[in-house]
Amino acid sequence: MVLALTRNRGRTMLVTGWLRALTIVAAVAVLGLAAPAWGGSTRCTMRYSLSGWSVVYSTASGSGTITCDNGQSARVSLRAKGGGLTAGKSKISNGRGTFSDVADIGELFGSYASAQAHAGMGESSSAQVVTKGTVSLAFAGTGSGIDLGVTFGNFIITQRAAKK
C-alpha cells in the first residue's frame, strides 16, 4: 500500500475534505496491513529521485542508492505504475527512505503494493509508505509539480548493473 501526503509551500491549494479523509483512511490501512520483519537485523536507507506524470494512468521512474548498516549497498532503478482518477506531473529531486529491518539487502528488490492519494501545486513535499510481504518502505522527498488524484498500482525496485 502507498500513502501519499503532499503539502504545498506558499501557494493556495484547493483540496477537498474527501481527499483528506481518504488519506487518513489509507494511512490506517497501511499501518494495519504492514507486518513486521521478524527475522531482520539489518537497517537500510535509500536516497532517490523520481519523476512522472498521470492522466487516468500514472507512471513514474527514477534512480537511487540503497545503503545498509551491514556494509551492503546497491544502485537501484525505481518505477511506479498505476491507474485511477488522477492528473498531473511531478518531480522529486531530494528523496530519502527507510526500510523495515531485513536479513539481507536482496529482500528489498521487487514489487511493492501501492495505493495513493495526492495533491500538490508548485513546490511541494510528499511522503509515502509501500509494502511487500513483511518488508515496508517509508519514503519522503521534496520537489515540484502539479497533481491531484487517487491511484492504485505498484512500486518496483530493481538493482542496477555495476558500471564497467
Protein backbone atom coordinates (compact mmCIF):
# COMPACT_ATOMS: atom_id res chain seq x y z
CA MET A 1 0.00 0.00 0.00
CA VAL A 2 1.12 3.58 -0.53
CA LEU A 3 0.11 6.58 1.48
CA ALA A 4 0.97 9.85 -0.19
CA LEU A 5 0.58 13.16 1.57
CA THR A 6 1.52 16.25 -0.40
CA ARG A 7 1.87 19.67 1.19
CA ASN A 8 2.05 22.88 -0.80
CA ARG A 9 4.54 25.53 0.30
CA GLY A 10 3.49 29.13 -0.23
CA ARG A 11 0.67 28.61 -2.73
CA THR A 12 -3.09 28.29 -2.31
CA MET A 13 -4.40 24.77 -2.92
CA LEU A 14 -7.92 23.53 -3.35
CA VAL A 15 -8.04 20.19 -1.55
CA THR A 16 -11.49 18.91 -0.74
CA GLY A 17 -12.42 17.18 2.50
CA TRP A 18 -12.83 13.82 0.75
CA LEU A 19 -9.16 13.78 -0.26
CA ARG A 20 -8.04 14.45 3.32
CA ALA A 21 -10.41 11.75 4.62
CA LEU A 22 -9.15 9.28 2.00
CA THR A 23 -5.55 9.99 3.02
CA ILE A 24 -6.34 9.25 6.67
CA VAL A 25 -8.14 6.02 5.76
CA ALA A 26 -5.18 4.96 3.58
CA ALA A 27 -2.74 5.64 6.46
CA VAL A 28 -4.76 3.49 8.85
CA ALA A 29 -4.97 0.69 6.25
CA VAL A 30 -1.21 0.77 5.60
CA LEU A 31 -0.35 0.64 9.28
CA GLY A 32 -2.83 -2.19 9.85
CA LEU A 33 -1.59 -4.31 6.93
CA ALA A 34 2.16 -3.84 7.32
CA ALA A 35 3.66 -6.88 9.04
CA PRO A 36 6.94 -6.60 10.96
CA ALA A 37 10.06 -8.24 9.53
CA TRP A 38 10.66 -10.62 12.45
CA GLY A 39 14.00 -12.13 11.43
CA GLY A 40 15.60 -8.92 10.21
CA SER A 41 18.56 -7.27 11.85
CA THR A 42 19.87 -5.03 9.08
CA ARG A 43 18.69 -1.44 8.67
CA CYS A 44 18.74 0.06 5.18
CA THR A 45 18.06 3.55 3.83
CA MET A 46 17.59 4.88 0.32
CA ARG A 47 18.32 8.22 -1.37
CA TYR A 48 16.43 8.73 -4.62
CA SER A 49 15.00 10.97 -7.33
CA LEU A 50 11.72 10.21 -9.10
CA SER A 51 9.65 11.96 -11.77
CA GLY A 52 6.40 11.10 -13.52
CA TRP A 53 3.02 12.06 -14.91
CA SER A 54 -0.59 10.91 -14.72
CA VAL A 55 -3.80 11.18 -16.74
CA VAL A 56 -6.03 8.32 -15.52
CA TYR A 57 -2.91 6.09 -15.89
CA SER A 58 0.09 7.12 -13.78
CA THR A 59 3.75 6.32 -14.26
CA ALA A 60 7.00 7.48 -12.68
CA SER A 61 10.62 6.42 -12.90
CA GLY A 62 13.87 7.28 -11.20
CA SER A 63 17.00 6.02 -9.56
CA GLY A 64 18.59 5.81 -6.16
CA THR A 65 21.11 4.18 -3.86
CA ILE A 66 20.31 1.81 -1.01
CA THR A 67 22.83 1.69 1.85
CA CYS A 68 22.65 -0.80 4.76
CA ASP A 69 24.30 -0.72 8.18
CA ASN A 70 25.96 -4.11 7.49
CA GLY A 71 28.05 -2.58 4.66
CA GLN A 72 25.86 -3.70 1.76
CA SER A 73 24.80 -1.13 -0.85
CA ALA A 74 23.19 -1.11 -4.29
CA ARG A 75 22.37 1.34 -7.05
CA VAL A 76 18.70 0.89 -7.94
CA SER A 77 16.13 1.81 -10.59
CA LEU A 78 12.66 2.82 -9.43
CA ARG A 79 9.33 2.55 -11.29
CA ALA A 80 5.80 3.31 -10.19
CA LYS A 81 2.75 2.32 -12.25
CA GLY A 82 -0.95 2.55 -11.54
CA GLY A 83 -4.31 3.88 -12.50
CA GLY A 84 -7.23 5.77 -11.03
CA LEU A 85 -8.77 9.21 -11.01
CA THR A 86 -5.63 11.29 -11.38
CA ALA A 87 -3.93 14.02 -13.44
CA GLY A 88 -0.66 15.89 -13.15
CA LYS A 89 3.12 15.90 -13.38
CA SER A 90 5.69 15.81 -10.57
CA LYS A 91 9.42 15.53 -9.87
CA ILE A 92 11.02 14.56 -6.55
CA SER A 93 14.70 15.51 -6.58
CA ASN A 94 15.75 15.06 -2.96
CA GLY A 95 14.16 11.88 -1.61
CA ARG A 96 15.10 9.73 1.38
CA GLY A 97 13.58 6.45 2.54
CA THR A 98 13.89 3.94 5.37
CA PHE A 99 13.15 0.21 5.05
CA SER A 100 11.90 -2.08 7.79
CA ASP A 101 14.63 -4.35 9.21
CA VAL A 102 15.70 -7.19 6.89
CA ALA A 103 18.27 -10.00 7.00
CA ASP A 104 19.83 -9.10 3.61
CA ILE A 105 19.66 -6.28 1.03
CA GLY A 106 18.27 -8.78 -1.51
CA GLU A 107 14.92 -8.74 0.30
CA LEU A 108 14.40 -5.10 -0.73
CA PHE A 109 14.19 -5.67 -4.50
CA GLY A 110 10.85 -6.40 -6.15
CA SER A 111 7.31 -5.09 -6.47
CA TYR A 112 5.58 -3.26 -3.60
CA ALA A 113 1.80 -2.74 -3.40
CA SER A 114 0.63 0.87 -3.59
CA ALA A 115 -2.48 2.99 -3.14
CA GLN A 116 -2.00 6.72 -3.32
CA ALA A 117 -3.99 9.90 -2.70
CA HIS A 118 -2.09 13.02 -3.80
CA ALA A 119 -2.50 16.75 -4.31
CA GLY A 120 0.08 19.45 -4.94
CA MET A 121 0.91 22.62 -6.84
CA GLY A 122 4.30 24.28 -7.33
CA GLU A 123 6.92 23.50 -4.69
CA SER A 124 5.72 20.57 -2.64
CA SER A 125 6.80 17.68 -0.48
CA SER A 126 5.48 14.14 -0.37
CA ALA A 127 5.59 11.13 1.94
CA GLN A 128 4.65 7.52 1.15
CA VAL A 129 4.67 4.03 2.66
CA VAL A 130 4.72 0.91 0.44
CA THR A 131 4.71 -2.77 1.47
CA LYS A 132 5.90 -6.08 0.03
CA GLY A 133 5.14 -9.01 2.33
CA THR A 134 6.99 -8.32 5.58
CA VAL A 135 9.13 -5.54 4.07
CA SER A 136 7.95 -1.94 4.11
CA LEU A 137 9.49 1.29 2.86
CA ALA A 138 8.65 4.75 4.19
CA PHE A 139 9.99 7.49 1.96
CA ALA A 140 9.66 11.24 1.56
CA GLY A 141 11.08 13.91 -0.69
CA THR A 142 10.84 17.46 -1.92
CA GLY A 143 10.36 18.68 -5.44
CA SER A 144 7.85 20.34 -7.72
CA GLY A 145 4.76 19.60 -9.73
CA ILE A 146 1.03 19.95 -10.17
CA ASP A 147 -1.05 16.87 -9.37
CA LEU A 148 -4.37 15.73 -7.92
CA GLY A 149 -5.97 12.31 -7.66
CA VAL A 150 -6.18 8.77 -6.33
CA THR A 151 -4.23 5.84 -7.85
CA PHE A 152 -3.66 2.14 -7.19
CA GLY A 153 -0.75 0.13 -8.54
CA ASN A 154 2.78 -0.94 -7.70
CA PHE A 155 6.21 0.47 -6.87
CA ILE A 156 9.14 -1.56 -8.23
CA ILE A 157 12.77 -1.52 -7.05
CA THR A 158 15.38 -3.27 -9.24
CA GLN A 159 19.12 -3.47 -8.78
CA ARG A 160 21.14 -1.69 -11.48
CA ALA A 161 24.16 -3.32 -13.07
CA ALA A 162 27.56 -2.13 -11.87
CA LYS A 163 29.40 0.34 -14.12
CA LYS A 164 32.16 -1.19 -16.25
